[in-house]
Protein backbone atom coordinates (compact mmCIF):
# COMPACT_ATOMS: atom_id res chain seq x y z
CA MET A 1 -39.29 -6.47 154.24
CA GLU A 2 -41.71 -9.34 154.28
CA ALA A 3 -44.39 -7.07 153.15
CA ILE A 4 -42.97 -6.57 149.61
CA PRO A 5 -42.48 -9.17 147.01
CA SER A 6 -39.19 -11.05 147.25
CA TYR A 7 -37.99 -9.82 143.75
CA LEU A 8 -38.10 -6.25 144.87
CA ARG A 9 -36.01 -6.66 148.12
CA SER A 10 -32.65 -5.95 146.55
CA THR A 11 -33.92 -3.01 144.39
CA ALA A 12 -33.93 0.66 144.93
CA TYR A 13 -37.51 0.10 146.31
CA GLY A 14 -36.53 -2.46 148.61
CA GLN A 15 -33.56 -0.44 149.94
CA ARG A 16 -36.02 2.75 150.61
CA VAL A 17 -38.25 0.35 152.65
CA LYS A 18 -35.23 -0.96 154.56
CA ARG A 19 -33.94 2.51 155.30
CA ALA A 20 -37.51 3.65 156.41
CA LEU A 21 -37.59 0.79 158.80
CA GLN A 22 -34.14 1.67 160.03
CA LEU A 23 -35.43 5.40 160.45
CA SER A 24 -38.34 4.16 162.52
CA SER A 25 -36.21 2.08 164.67
CA SER A 26 -33.92 5.14 165.20
CA LEU A 27 -36.87 7.21 166.36
CA LEU A 28 -37.91 4.53 168.72
CA GLU A 29 -34.43 4.70 170.30
CA ALA A 30 -34.39 8.23 170.69
CA SER A 31 -35.04 9.67 174.27
CA SER A 32 -38.63 10.90 175.32
CA SER A 33 -37.02 14.39 175.50
CA ASP A 34 -36.03 14.35 171.71
CA ILE A 35 -39.10 12.86 170.28
CA ASN A 36 -42.75 12.96 170.72
CA THR A 37 -44.00 9.28 171.46
CA ALA A 38 -47.17 9.78 169.54
CA ALA A 39 -45.22 11.03 166.50
CA ALA A 40 -42.86 7.99 166.77
CA ALA A 41 -45.76 5.63 166.74
CA ALA A 42 -47.35 7.30 163.81
CA VAL A 43 -44.09 6.85 161.82
CA VAL A 44 -43.81 3.23 162.81
CA SER A 45 -47.47 2.71 161.80
CA LYS A 46 -46.71 4.46 158.33
CA THR A 47 -43.63 2.32 157.75
CA ALA A 48 -45.62 -0.92 158.47
CA ALA A 49 -47.74 0.25 155.61
CA GLN A 50 -44.65 0.76 153.33
CA THR A 51 -44.79 4.67 153.29
CA LEU A 52 -42.98 7.43 155.02
CA PRO A 53 -43.68 10.94 154.81
CA THR A 54 -41.22 13.15 152.66
CA THR A 55 -39.37 15.48 155.17
CA ALA A 56 -36.90 18.19 154.39
CA GLY A 57 -33.50 16.72 154.03
CA ASN A 58 -34.90 13.08 153.87
CA LYS A 59 -36.57 13.08 150.57
CA ASP A 60 -34.75 9.81 149.79
CA LEU A 61 -36.52 8.10 152.77
CA SER A 62 -39.96 8.68 151.15
CA VAL A 63 -41.35 5.10 150.28
CA PRO A 64 -44.33 5.28 147.83
CA GLU A 65 -46.85 2.40 148.14
CA LEU A 66 -46.83 -0.54 145.64
CA PRO A 67 -50.09 -1.34 143.82
CA GLN A 68 -52.02 -3.53 146.08
CA ARG A 69 -55.78 -3.52 145.01
CA TRP A 70 -58.11 -2.88 142.22
CA VAL A 71 -60.28 0.26 142.71
CA CYS A 72 -63.67 1.00 141.37
CA ARG A 73 -63.38 4.87 140.75
CA SER A 74 -67.25 5.11 139.94
CA THR A 75 -70.29 3.71 141.45
CA ASP A 76 -71.09 0.41 139.63
CA SER A 77 -73.49 -2.09 141.02
CA LEU A 78 -72.49 -4.79 138.56
CA VAL A 79 -68.77 -4.93 139.38
CA THR A 80 -67.84 -6.42 142.78
CA VAL A 81 -64.34 -6.02 144.14
CA SER A 82 -63.32 -8.15 147.19
CA SER A 83 -62.52 -6.57 150.48
CA ASP A 84 -58.78 -7.18 149.82
CA GLY A 85 -59.03 -5.65 146.40
CA THR A 86 -57.77 -8.72 144.53
CA THR A 87 -60.88 -10.52 143.23
CA ILE A 88 -63.24 -9.10 140.66
CA ASP A 89 -66.73 -10.33 139.69
CA TYR A 90 -68.62 -8.84 136.80
CA LYS A 91 -72.12 -10.30 136.15
CA THR A 92 -75.17 -8.94 134.18
CA ASP A 93 -78.42 -10.32 132.92
CA SER A 94 -78.23 -8.45 129.48
CA SER A 95 -76.05 -9.74 126.50
CA PRO A 96 -72.56 -8.50 126.35
CA GLY A 97 -71.86 -5.36 124.52
CA THR A 98 -69.31 -2.67 123.83
CA LYS A 99 -70.95 -0.27 126.38
CA GLU A 100 -70.86 -3.01 128.97
CA ILE A 101 -66.83 -2.97 129.22
CA ARG A 102 -65.44 -2.17 132.52
CA THR A 103 -61.78 -1.06 133.24
CA LEU A 104 -60.28 -0.97 136.56
CA LEU A 105 -56.83 0.49 137.78
CA THR A 106 -54.90 -0.22 140.87
CA ASP A 107 -54.78 1.96 143.95
CA HIS A 108 -51.20 3.18 143.26
CA PRO A 109 -48.92 3.30 140.12
CA VAL A 110 -45.69 1.48 139.94
CA PRO A 111 -42.76 3.23 141.75
CA ALA A 112 -39.97 3.85 139.31
CA SER A 113 -37.48 2.69 141.90
CA CYS A 114 -38.71 -0.83 141.47
CA GLY A 115 -37.12 -1.09 138.05
CA VAL A 116 -39.26 -4.10 137.26
CA TYR A 117 -42.89 -4.84 138.45
CA TYR A 118 -44.98 -7.78 137.84
CA TYR A 119 -48.49 -9.02 138.64
CA GLU A 120 -50.68 -12.05 137.55
CA VAL A 121 -54.43 -12.37 136.91
CA GLU A 122 -56.18 -15.79 136.96
CA LEU A 123 -59.40 -16.26 135.10
CA ILE A 124 -61.34 -18.31 137.59
CA SER A 125 -64.41 -18.30 135.29
CA ALA A 126 -65.45 -16.49 132.11
CA LEU A 127 -68.07 -17.20 129.48
CA HIS A 128 -66.98 -17.84 125.92
CA ASP A 129 -68.10 -14.43 124.88
CA GLY A 130 -66.56 -12.83 127.97
CA MET A 131 -63.53 -10.81 127.27
CA VAL A 132 -60.58 -9.76 129.28
CA GLY A 133 -57.61 -7.39 128.55
CA ILE A 134 -54.56 -7.12 130.88
CA GLY A 135 -51.94 -4.38 130.75
CA PHE A 136 -50.93 -0.98 132.00
CA TYR A 137 -52.37 2.59 131.69
CA ASN A 138 -50.14 5.66 132.04
CA GLY A 139 -51.76 8.62 133.53
CA GLU A 140 -52.53 10.79 136.61
CA PRO A 141 -54.87 9.26 139.20
CA SER A 142 -57.46 12.07 138.62
CA SER A 143 -57.69 11.09 135.02
CA THR A 144 -58.72 7.63 135.49
CA ALA A 145 -62.27 7.99 136.61
CA GLY A 146 -63.77 7.56 133.13
CA LEU A 147 -61.96 4.57 131.35
CA THR A 148 -64.61 2.84 129.23
CA LYS A 149 -62.48 0.93 126.86
CA MET A 150 -60.28 -2.15 127.06
CA PRO A 151 -56.61 -1.82 127.92
CA GLY A 152 -54.97 -1.01 124.40
CA MET A 153 -58.10 0.59 123.21
CA GLU A 154 -58.09 3.38 125.58
CA ALA A 155 -55.62 6.34 124.88
CA GLY A 156 -52.49 6.02 126.99
CA SER A 157 -52.79 2.13 127.50
CA TRP A 158 -51.20 -1.12 126.59
CA GLY A 159 -53.39 -4.47 126.66
CA TYR A 160 -53.07 -8.27 125.82
CA HIS A 161 -56.60 -9.47 124.88
CA SER A 162 -58.31 -12.82 125.60
CA ASP A 163 -60.41 -13.19 122.54
CA ASP A 164 -57.89 -12.72 119.73
CA GLY A 165 -54.50 -12.76 121.36
CA LYS A 166 -53.41 -9.36 120.19
CA VAL A 167 -51.30 -6.94 122.19
CA LEU A 168 -52.62 -3.50 121.57
CA LEU A 169 -51.05 -0.03 122.11
CA PHE A 170 -53.03 3.13 122.04
CA TYR A 171 -50.69 5.97 122.94
CA PRO A 172 -51.09 8.79 120.36
CA PRO A 173 -48.32 11.31 120.70
CA PRO A 174 -49.05 14.99 120.52
CA GLY A 175 -50.60 16.01 117.23
CA ILE A 176 -52.34 12.76 116.59
CA ARG A 177 -56.03 12.53 116.67
CA ASN A 178 -57.45 10.50 119.67
CA ASN A 179 -59.94 8.74 117.41
CA ASP A 180 -57.12 7.00 115.41
CA LEU A 181 -57.20 3.13 115.81
CA PRO A 182 -54.76 1.63 118.25
CA SER A 183 -51.68 -0.15 117.03
CA THR A 184 -51.34 -4.09 117.05
CA MET A 185 -47.80 -4.58 118.63
CA ALA A 186 -47.84 -8.41 118.81
CA LEU A 187 -50.01 -11.52 118.26
CA GLY A 188 -50.03 -14.20 120.74
CA PRO A 189 -52.16 -17.16 122.00
CA VAL A 190 -55.72 -16.52 123.16
CA PHE A 191 -56.67 -17.36 126.79
CA GLY A 192 -59.76 -18.02 128.80
CA LYS A 193 -61.10 -19.91 131.87
CA GLY A 194 -58.39 -21.47 134.00
CA ASP A 195 -55.49 -19.51 132.63
CA THR A 196 -53.24 -17.18 134.47
CA ILE A 197 -51.83 -14.35 132.63
CA GLY A 198 -48.79 -12.39 133.94
CA CYS A 199 -47.95 -8.79 132.94
CA GLY A 200 -44.79 -7.05 133.82
CA ILE A 201 -43.27 -3.63 133.03
CA ASP A 202 -39.41 -3.46 132.79
CA LEU A 203 -38.34 0.21 133.11
CA ILE A 204 -34.92 -0.60 132.49
CA GLU A 205 -35.29 -2.17 128.99
CA GLU A 206 -38.13 0.19 128.39
CA ARG A 207 -40.77 -2.75 127.71
CA ILE A 208 -43.84 -4.54 128.80
CA PHE A 209 -43.87 -8.30 128.75
CA TYR A 210 -46.35 -11.08 129.29
CA THR A 211 -46.61 -14.68 130.53
CA LYS A 212 -49.13 -17.33 130.36
CA ASN A 213 -49.48 -20.08 133.03
CA GLY A 214 -45.87 -19.35 134.12
CA ILE A 215 -44.36 -19.46 130.64
CA TYR A 216 -42.68 -16.24 129.23
CA LEU A 217 -44.45 -15.33 126.01
CA ASP A 218 -42.76 -13.60 122.96
CA LEU A 219 -45.14 -10.57 123.43
CA VAL A 220 -42.72 -7.70 124.27
CA VAL A 221 -43.83 -4.25 123.72
CA ASP A 222 -40.52 -2.23 123.39
CA ASP A 223 -39.87 1.47 123.65
CA ILE A 224 -42.82 2.25 125.91
CA PHE A 225 -41.50 5.85 126.32
CA LEU A 226 -41.85 6.51 122.74
CA ASP A 227 -39.13 9.28 122.78
CA GLY A 228 -36.88 7.94 125.62
CA SER A 229 -38.43 10.50 128.03
CA LYS A 230 -37.31 8.63 131.12
CA LYS A 231 -36.84 11.31 133.67
CA GLY A 232 -37.26 11.55 137.40
CA SER A 233 -37.82 8.76 139.97
CA ASP A 234 -40.41 8.16 142.71
CA THR A 235 -40.84 11.88 142.99
CA VAL A 236 -43.88 12.56 140.90
CA ILE A 237 -43.22 14.61 137.74
CA PRO A 238 -46.05 16.80 136.40
CA SER A 239 -47.51 15.32 133.35
CA PRO A 240 -48.41 17.33 130.19
CA SER A 241 -51.78 19.09 130.43
CA ASN A 242 -53.27 16.64 128.15
CA THR A 243 -52.12 13.38 129.71
CA ARG A 244 -53.70 10.98 127.20
CA ARG A 245 -51.85 12.50 124.27
CA GLY A 246 -48.56 13.47 126.07
CA LYS A 247 -45.50 11.48 126.65
CA PRO A 248 -45.68 8.82 129.29
CA ASN A 249 -44.80 9.51 132.80
CA ILE A 250 -42.23 7.01 134.36
CA ASN A 251 -44.18 7.33 137.68
CA GLY A 252 -47.60 6.83 135.98
CA PHE A 253 -47.85 3.31 135.11
CA PHE A 254 -51.05 1.67 136.72
CA PRO A 255 -51.79 -2.03 136.42
CA CYS A 256 -54.87 -2.15 134.27
CA VAL A 257 -57.60 -4.78 133.68
CA GLY A 258 -60.68 -4.58 131.44
CA PHE A 259 -63.40 -7.07 131.07
CA LYS A 260 -66.96 -7.94 129.51
CA PRO A 261 -69.37 -10.01 131.40
CA ILE A 262 -69.56 -12.53 132.78
CA VAL A 263 -66.07 -12.98 134.40
CA HIS A 264 -64.47 -13.91 137.82
CA LEU A 265 -60.89 -12.78 138.31
CA GLN A 266 -58.41 -13.33 140.93
CA THR A 267 -55.13 -11.14 141.07
CA ASN A 268 -51.83 -11.70 142.67
CA PHE A 269 -49.76 -8.51 143.31
CA GLY A 270 -47.11 -10.54 145.00
CA ASN A 271 -47.63 -8.80 148.40
CA GLY A 272 -50.36 -10.96 150.05
CA GLY A 273 -52.87 -8.29 150.34
CA TRP A 274 -54.90 -7.58 153.49
CA GLN A 275 -57.36 -9.86 155.20
CA GLY A 276 -60.06 -8.68 157.52
CA SER A 277 -60.59 -5.05 158.17
CA PHE A 278 -57.87 -2.63 157.16
CA SER A 279 -57.62 -1.24 160.48
CA LYS A 280 -56.42 -4.47 161.88
CA GLN A 281 -53.68 -4.63 159.29
CA GLN A 282 -53.32 -8.46 159.23
CA ARG A 283 -51.46 -9.63 156.19
CA LYS A 284 -52.28 -12.72 154.21
CA GLU A 285 -49.40 -15.16 153.36
CA PRO A 286 -47.86 -13.96 149.95
CA ARG A 287 -48.92 -16.10 147.16
CA GLN A 288 -46.29 -17.56 144.83
CA PHE A 289 -46.39 -16.38 141.21
CA LEU A 290 -46.48 -19.03 138.54
CA PHE A 291 -43.79 -17.13 136.62
CA ASP A 292 -40.41 -17.07 138.21
CA ILE A 293 -40.07 -13.29 138.26
CA ASP A 294 -37.19 -13.58 140.76
CA GLN A 295 -35.08 -15.23 138.26
CA TYR A 296 -36.11 -12.55 135.52
CA VAL A 297 -34.90 -9.79 137.90
CA GLU A 298 -31.72 -11.64 138.90
CA MET A 299 -30.73 -12.22 135.13
CA LYS A 300 -31.33 -8.44 134.56
CA ARG A 301 -29.28 -7.64 137.64
CA ALA A 302 -26.45 -9.93 136.65
CA LYS A 303 -26.15 -8.00 133.35
CA VAL A 304 -25.94 -4.78 135.21
CA LEU A 305 -23.41 -5.85 137.79
CA ASP A 306 -21.27 -7.49 135.05
CA SER A 307 -21.13 -4.20 133.19
CA ILE A 308 -19.97 -2.46 136.49
CA ARG A 309 -17.34 -5.00 137.19
CA SER A 310 -16.07 -4.98 133.64
CA SER A 311 -15.67 -1.17 133.70
CA ASP A 312 -12.12 0.24 133.64
CA LEU A 313 -12.32 2.60 136.62
CA ARG A 314 -9.07 4.37 136.97
CA LEU A 315 -8.41 7.16 139.61
CA PRO A 316 -7.54 10.33 137.92
CA THR A 317 -3.89 11.64 137.88
CA LEU A 318 -2.62 15.21 138.02
CA ALA A 319 -1.48 14.80 134.37
CA THR A 320 -5.18 14.01 133.46
CA LEU A 321 -6.76 16.70 135.80
CA SER A 322 -4.46 19.59 134.99
CA PRO A 323 -1.70 19.04 132.48
CA SER A 324 -0.18 22.49 132.98
CA ALA A 325 -0.03 21.96 136.85
CA SER A 326 1.51 18.57 136.24
CA THR A 327 4.23 19.89 134.11
CA ALA A 328 5.09 22.57 136.57
CA LEU A 329 5.31 20.06 139.35
CA LEU A 330 7.70 17.90 137.12
CA VAL A 331 9.92 21.01 136.60
CA ALA A 332 9.92 21.73 140.36
CA LYS A 333 10.77 18.20 141.36
CA GLY A 334 13.15 17.52 138.55
CA LEU A 335 11.23 14.38 137.76
CA GLN A 336 10.37 12.75 134.39
CA PRO A 337 6.74 11.98 133.50
CA GLU A 338 7.18 8.33 134.11
CA GLU A 339 8.51 9.01 137.62
CA GLN A 340 5.80 11.34 138.51
CA SER A 341 3.17 8.85 137.41
CA LYS A 342 4.81 6.12 139.56
CA GLN A 343 4.86 8.40 142.62
CA GLU A 344 1.20 9.01 142.06
CA GLU A 345 0.49 5.37 141.78
CA ASP A 346 2.51 4.86 144.93
CA GLU A 347 0.52 7.31 146.86
CA LYS A 348 -2.82 5.57 145.64
CA ARG A 349 -1.66 2.30 146.92
CA ARG A 350 -0.50 3.91 150.34
CA LEU A 351 -4.00 5.55 150.64
CA ILE A 352 -5.76 2.22 150.12
CA ARG A 353 -3.46 0.35 152.59
CA ARG A 354 -4.06 3.13 155.12
CA LEU A 355 -7.70 2.73 154.65
CA ILE A 356 -7.74 -0.89 155.17
CA SER A 357 -5.26 -0.78 158.03
CA SER A 358 -7.16 1.87 159.90
CA TYR A 359 -10.32 -0.42 159.48
CA PHE A 360 -8.58 -3.31 161.04
CA ALA A 361 -7.52 -0.96 164.01
CA TYR A 362 -10.99 0.40 164.29
CA LEU A 363 -12.21 -3.16 164.90
CA GLY A 364 -9.41 -3.80 167.37
CA TYR A 365 -7.59 -6.27 165.22
CA VAL A 366 -4.10 -5.09 166.18
CA ASP A 367 -2.13 -8.07 164.99
CA THR A 368 -4.03 -8.38 161.69
CA ALA A 369 -3.36 -4.73 161.02
CA LYS A 370 0.28 -5.10 161.84
CA GLU A 371 0.63 -8.24 159.44
CA PHE A 372 -1.31 -6.34 156.75
CA ASP A 373 1.25 -3.42 157.07
CA ARG A 374 4.19 -5.72 156.89
CA GLU A 375 3.02 -7.49 153.88
CA GLY A 376 2.36 -4.28 152.13
CA THR A 377 5.71 -2.97 153.07
CA GLN A 378 7.38 -6.13 151.38
CA LEU A 379 5.25 -5.98 148.18
CA PHE A 380 5.51 -2.25 147.54
CA ASN A 381 8.78 -1.37 149.10
CA GLN A 382 7.05 1.48 151.07
CA PRO A 383 7.56 2.49 154.71
CA ALA A 384 5.57 0.86 157.47
CA GLU A 385 2.82 2.69 159.25
CA GLU A 386 3.65 4.50 162.36
CA GLU A 387 3.84 2.08 165.23
CA SER A 388 1.88 4.48 167.45
CA PHE A 389 -1.09 3.95 165.02
CA LEU A 390 -1.09 0.25 165.79
CA GLU A 391 0.35 -0.08 169.27
CA ASN A 392 -2.19 2.20 170.92
CA ALA A 393 -3.33 0.71 174.31
CA GLU A 394 -6.93 1.97 173.80
CA VAL A 395 -7.11 -0.33 170.74
CA VAL A 396 -6.36 -3.19 172.70
CA ASN A 397 -8.83 -2.23 175.32
CA ARG A 398 -11.61 -1.83 172.76
CA GLN A 399 -10.80 -5.07 171.19
CA ARG A 400 -11.11 -6.85 174.61
CA ILE A 401 -14.35 -5.19 175.37
CA GLY A 402 -15.69 -6.08 171.81
CA LYS A 403 -14.73 -9.76 172.30
CA LEU A 404 -16.41 -9.83 175.66
CA ILE A 405 -19.56 -8.62 174.23
CA THR A 406 -19.55 -10.97 171.26
CA ASN A 407 -18.83 -13.96 173.48
CA GLY A 408 -21.88 -13.08 175.65
CA LEU A 409 -19.77 -12.15 178.81
CA ILE A 410 -21.73 -8.97 179.43
CA ASP A 411 -20.89 -8.54 183.27
CA GLU A 412 -17.04 -8.61 182.18
CA ALA A 413 -17.83 -6.07 179.54
CA LEU A 414 -19.51 -3.73 181.94
CA SER A 415 -16.73 -3.86 184.29
CA SER A 416 -14.11 -3.02 181.57
CA LEU A 417 -16.26 -0.19 180.40
CA GLN A 418 -16.39 1.23 183.97
CA GLU A 419 -12.56 0.81 184.41
CA PHE A 420 -11.54 2.28 181.02
CA TYR A 421 -14.49 4.31 179.61
CA PRO A 422 -16.83 5.20 182.32
CA GLU A 423 -18.04 8.20 180.54
CA VAL A 424 -19.71 5.93 177.86
CA LEU A 425 -21.93 4.36 180.84
CA GLU A 426 -22.58 7.87 182.32
CA GLU A 427 -23.87 9.60 179.21
CA PRO A 428 -27.16 10.95 179.79
CA ASP A 429 -30.15 9.30 178.04
CA SER A 430 -27.70 6.75 176.55
CA LEU A 431 -29.29 3.33 175.69
CA VAL A 432 -25.78 1.50 175.99
CA VAL A 433 -26.33 0.31 179.42
CA PHE A 434 -29.92 -0.68 178.77
CA LYS A 435 -28.97 -2.73 175.64
CA LEU A 436 -26.18 -4.40 177.53
CA GLU A 437 -28.44 -5.48 180.27
CA CYS A 438 -30.93 -6.87 177.98
CA CYS A 439 -28.18 -8.69 176.29
CA LYS A 440 -27.16 -10.28 179.72
CA PHE A 441 -30.96 -11.37 180.16
CA ILE A 442 -30.84 -12.94 176.70
CA GLU A 443 -27.76 -14.84 177.46
CA LEU A 444 -29.32 -16.23 180.75
CA ILE A 445 -32.23 -17.42 178.60
CA ARG A 446 -29.82 -18.75 176.06
CA SER A 447 -28.00 -21.05 178.71
CA THR A 448 -31.35 -22.55 179.75
CA ILE A 449 -32.26 -23.39 176.05
CA THR A 450 -28.79 -24.82 175.32
CA MET A 451 -28.89 -26.90 178.41
CA SER A 452 -32.42 -28.21 177.59
CA HIS A 453 -31.41 -29.03 174.06
CA THR A 454 -28.29 -30.84 175.16
CA ALA A 455 -30.25 -32.97 177.72
CA SER A 456 -32.83 -33.90 175.07
CA THR A 457 -30.18 -34.84 172.62
CA ASN A 458 -28.48 -37.07 175.13
CA ASN A 459 -31.84 -38.83 175.96
CA THR A 460 -32.03 -37.70 179.53
CA PRO A 461 -34.18 -40.10 181.63
CA GLY A 462 -37.75 -38.85 181.57
CA ALA A 463 -37.32 -37.52 178.04
CA GLY A 464 -38.55 -38.84 174.72
CA VAL A 465 -41.50 -40.80 173.49
CA GLY A 466 -43.58 -42.86 175.88
CA ILE A 467 -44.91 -46.39 175.54
CA ASP A 468 -48.23 -45.20 173.79
CA GLY A 469 -46.28 -43.00 171.38
CA ASP A 470 -47.14 -39.75 173.17
CA THR A 471 -44.30 -37.40 173.76
CA GLU A 472 -43.43 -37.19 177.38
CA MET A 473 -42.29 -33.90 179.18
CA ARG A 474 -38.64 -34.15 180.13
CA ASP A 475 -37.83 -33.58 183.77
CA VAL A 476 -35.89 -30.16 184.44
CA THR A 477 -32.60 -30.63 185.98
CA PRO A 478 -31.67 -28.65 189.10
CA GLU A 479 -28.94 -26.82 187.12
CA GLU A 480 -31.52 -25.83 184.57
CA ASP A 481 -33.92 -24.69 187.23
CA ASP A 482 -31.33 -22.65 188.79
CA LYS A 483 -30.47 -20.85 185.50
CA LEU A 484 -34.11 -20.22 184.83
CA ASP A 485 -34.40 -18.82 188.41
CA GLN A 486 -31.52 -16.50 187.80
CA ALA A 487 -33.19 -15.30 184.52
CA ILE A 488 -36.41 -14.53 186.24
CA VAL A 489 -34.81 -12.56 189.11
CA TYR A 490 -32.71 -10.59 186.70
CA GLY A 491 -35.68 -9.93 184.59
CA GLN A 492 -37.65 -8.72 187.58
CA GLN A 493 -34.65 -6.25 188.23
CA LEU A 494 -34.65 -4.96 184.81
CA ARG A 495 -38.55 -4.43 184.88
CA ASN A 496 -38.34 -2.50 188.20
CA LYS A 497 -35.22 -0.42 186.97
CA TYR A 498 -37.00 0.70 183.62
CA LYS A 499 -40.80 0.59 184.51
CA ASN A 500 -40.95 4.37 184.53
CA ASP A 501 -38.95 4.81 181.49
CA LYS A 502 -41.27 6.26 178.67
CA ARG A 503 -39.08 5.84 175.82
CA PRO A 504 -40.76 3.73 173.18
CA PHE A 505 -37.69 1.55 172.22
CA VAL A 506 -37.09 0.71 176.04
CA GLN A 507 -40.67 -0.57 176.58
CA THR A 508 -40.75 -2.36 173.22
CA ARG A 509 -37.51 -4.03 173.73
CA LEU A 510 -38.40 -5.12 177.31
CA SER A 511 -41.53 -6.82 175.91
CA LEU A 512 -39.61 -8.67 173.35
CA VAL A 513 -36.73 -10.12 175.62
CA PHE A 514 -39.21 -10.92 178.41
CA SER A 515 -41.34 -12.99 175.84
CA LEU A 516 -38.06 -15.29 175.75
CA LEU A 517 -39.22 -16.70 179.12
CA ALA A 518 -41.77 -18.60 177.08
CA TYR A 519 -39.05 -19.95 174.69
CA GLN A 520 -37.69 -22.81 176.53
CA ASP A 521 -38.35 -25.49 174.01
CA ALA A 522 -35.18 -25.58 171.76
CA ALA A 523 -37.66 -26.99 169.04
CA ALA A 524 -39.34 -23.65 169.07
CA GLN A 525 -36.26 -21.84 167.56
CA ASP A 526 -38.09 -21.02 164.36
CA SER A 527 -40.13 -18.42 166.50
CA SER A 528 -40.34 -14.89 165.47
CA LEU A 529 -38.11 -14.09 168.48
CA SER A 530 -35.23 -16.26 167.45
CA PHE A 531 -33.49 -13.23 165.99
CA LEU A 532 -32.75 -12.14 169.72
CA LEU A 533 -30.55 -15.27 170.14
CA ASP A 534 -28.73 -14.74 166.88
CA VAL A 535 -24.96 -14.13 167.50
CA ALA A 536 -25.25 -11.32 165.01
CA GLU A 537 -27.13 -9.20 167.58
CA ARG A 538 -24.22 -9.39 169.92
CA VAL A 539 -21.85 -8.34 166.92
CA LYS A 540 -24.11 -5.46 166.12
CA LEU A 541 -24.28 -4.35 169.90
CA SER A 542 -20.21 -4.68 170.03
CA GLU A 543 -19.95 -2.31 167.16
CA GLU A 544 -22.41 0.25 168.63
CA VAL A 545 -20.37 0.27 171.88
CA ASN A 546 -17.11 0.42 170.06
CA ALA A 547 -18.52 3.57 168.10
CA LYS A 548 -19.63 5.07 171.57
CA ILE A 549 -16.07 4.47 172.90
CA LEU A 550 -14.43 6.35 169.95
CA VAL A 551 -16.62 9.26 170.35
CA SER A 552 -15.90 9.39 174.18
CA ILE A 553 -12.21 9.74 173.40
CA GLY A 554 -12.64 12.31 170.68
CA LYS A 555 -12.33 9.93 167.59
CA PRO A 556 -14.76 9.53 164.80
CA SER A 557 -17.28 6.96 165.29
CA ILE A 558 -16.79 5.37 162.10
CA PRO A 559 -13.46 4.63 160.21
CA PRO A 560 -12.31 6.30 156.88
CA LEU A 561 -13.12 3.21 154.94
CA GLN A 562 -16.64 2.96 156.13
CA LYS A 563 -17.13 6.66 155.48
CA LEU A 564 -16.05 6.05 151.89
CA VAL A 565 -18.44 3.15 151.50
CA LYS A 566 -21.17 5.29 152.85
CA GLN A 567 -20.41 8.01 150.32
CA VAL A 568 -20.45 5.52 147.48
CA MET A 569 -23.96 4.28 148.65
CA ALA A 570 -25.18 7.93 148.86
CA MET A 571 -23.96 8.55 145.35
CA VAL A 572 -25.80 5.44 144.05
CA TRP A 573 -28.96 6.54 145.73
CA GLU A 574 -28.72 9.91 144.30
CA LEU A 575 -28.35 8.33 140.81
CA GLN A 576 -31.50 6.22 141.58
CA ASP A 577 -33.26 9.55 142.59
CA GLN A 578 -32.12 11.35 139.48
CA GLY A 579 -33.69 8.46 137.33
CA THR A 580 -31.05 9.16 134.46
CA ARG A 581 -29.86 5.47 134.90
CA PRO A 582 -32.85 3.12 135.61
CA ASP A 583 -30.48 0.19 135.74
CA SER A 584 -29.00 1.55 139.07
CA ASN A 585 -32.47 0.51 140.68
CA LEU A 586 -31.21 -3.15 140.60
CA VAL A 587 -27.91 -2.24 142.55
CA ASP A 588 -27.56 -2.73 146.31
CA VAL A 589 -24.17 -1.61 147.17
CA GLU A 590 -24.31 -3.31 150.51
CA ARG A 591 -25.50 -6.60 149.26
CA HIS A 592 -23.66 -6.91 145.88
CA PHE A 593 -20.21 -5.20 146.77
CA LEU A 594 -19.67 -5.58 150.55
């Protein structure tokens, strides 16, 4: 997720990237008999580049690429674009003229699932008669090779110009001649050398906006779809045959920059870009925007979430769904309409209570489930849940095993699994045993780090700063040395046990956990390996083992409440895919409502 700008991480686009990463992880975990190793590596490689192929039944996992670099689509010796695609130089010996205008687009259009997209262009140097236009162009990639006019002057484009501060739109609808003049949409301050101009597209509000040196400008171009033709999502929709005179395509907005010589421009797309050769895929550190685009997106999101929370969502009753059926039921039961309505409300409450209570039982929180049921009985005067549902011995066993794992007591957890659920450990090609053994190794390493940190904090003799001000190495205690020896011996056992296992996940995980041997200094806890020592990793493993146990005894691997949540998330994803509600692209069910 670090590869995309921070303001996109909780958008539909960010969720697509997250799901793609999860998919790649799942592929790595698959056994070698189920997946081709080379194919798995290819998927992971593509995921790292923020894109996955669209596959049958998984179209929602397709991740289109973000605009990352300017592209010269024609041979031009006067324009130089840097290797990372973010810096533009345009120099010429002749005097500037209209014919010397150059216009570049990015390598990819803005994915509609972003909801909002923003980039900044810094004018590092520019002559007084040099000119720059910044904005967006709407069209298909094949139609962008011959742009010869400034943004806002070219049909199908919008642009903010440095020389006069005008924001121009030239998007003639069908039936209007292409030689008509563009429209001046707004007038703002001029800009030049040393200024940074930001340009954003807000697909939710249907507008293009601008900033100057981090300040939001009152230069908003509204109704960019002209006739409200927002259709589709990241699946490319065929544009009309005459793209420059047709309606805008929601998936066809390219960042666009035009310029006259002599200029030197630096662009920030928010994703850091690449450094070195592309084959090495080494990322630069992302540059900060001058404008706080994160706050802008959060303000938009707050409005959307407030609208959702203020909605009066009532579950339908039989009377609203089928008045005739409701009347027949009333006659059969001898009930008044008010009594029937009360019965339906009681059933809804009971359903909700059952969902929550079953979730507690799924987690093994038997006492909590019982107390919740008792409170519900007193509040709503309804019968308690069946005792057999809450008093099941297997629930207690699952709870105990889960607590052992979350507390890092892996040997005890393995013993309990062997005693109560041996089939979980004996499942062919299962990764449960491997993950538990890796967790045990991590706990051995954790104990050495904890002891080292405690000793340093308590100023153990031999630790601290020397007379000359140099930091001295702290002596390792016999107990620490013994723990480290245990970790090394156990690590060797793991390596010998799994050295011939060809599954990608197994070898990748082994490499990660063995790297912890070089992680002895507690001050190094900002390392990229620190996630392995996070307690959340134990919790995740505990939940996975719990699901395996449930499947082994013929029960669903996830509780009804979790199924309901997944269904809601799927419905939101479908809404995002349809593109009928662009504001849904700012909603992350997991983050905002769970």
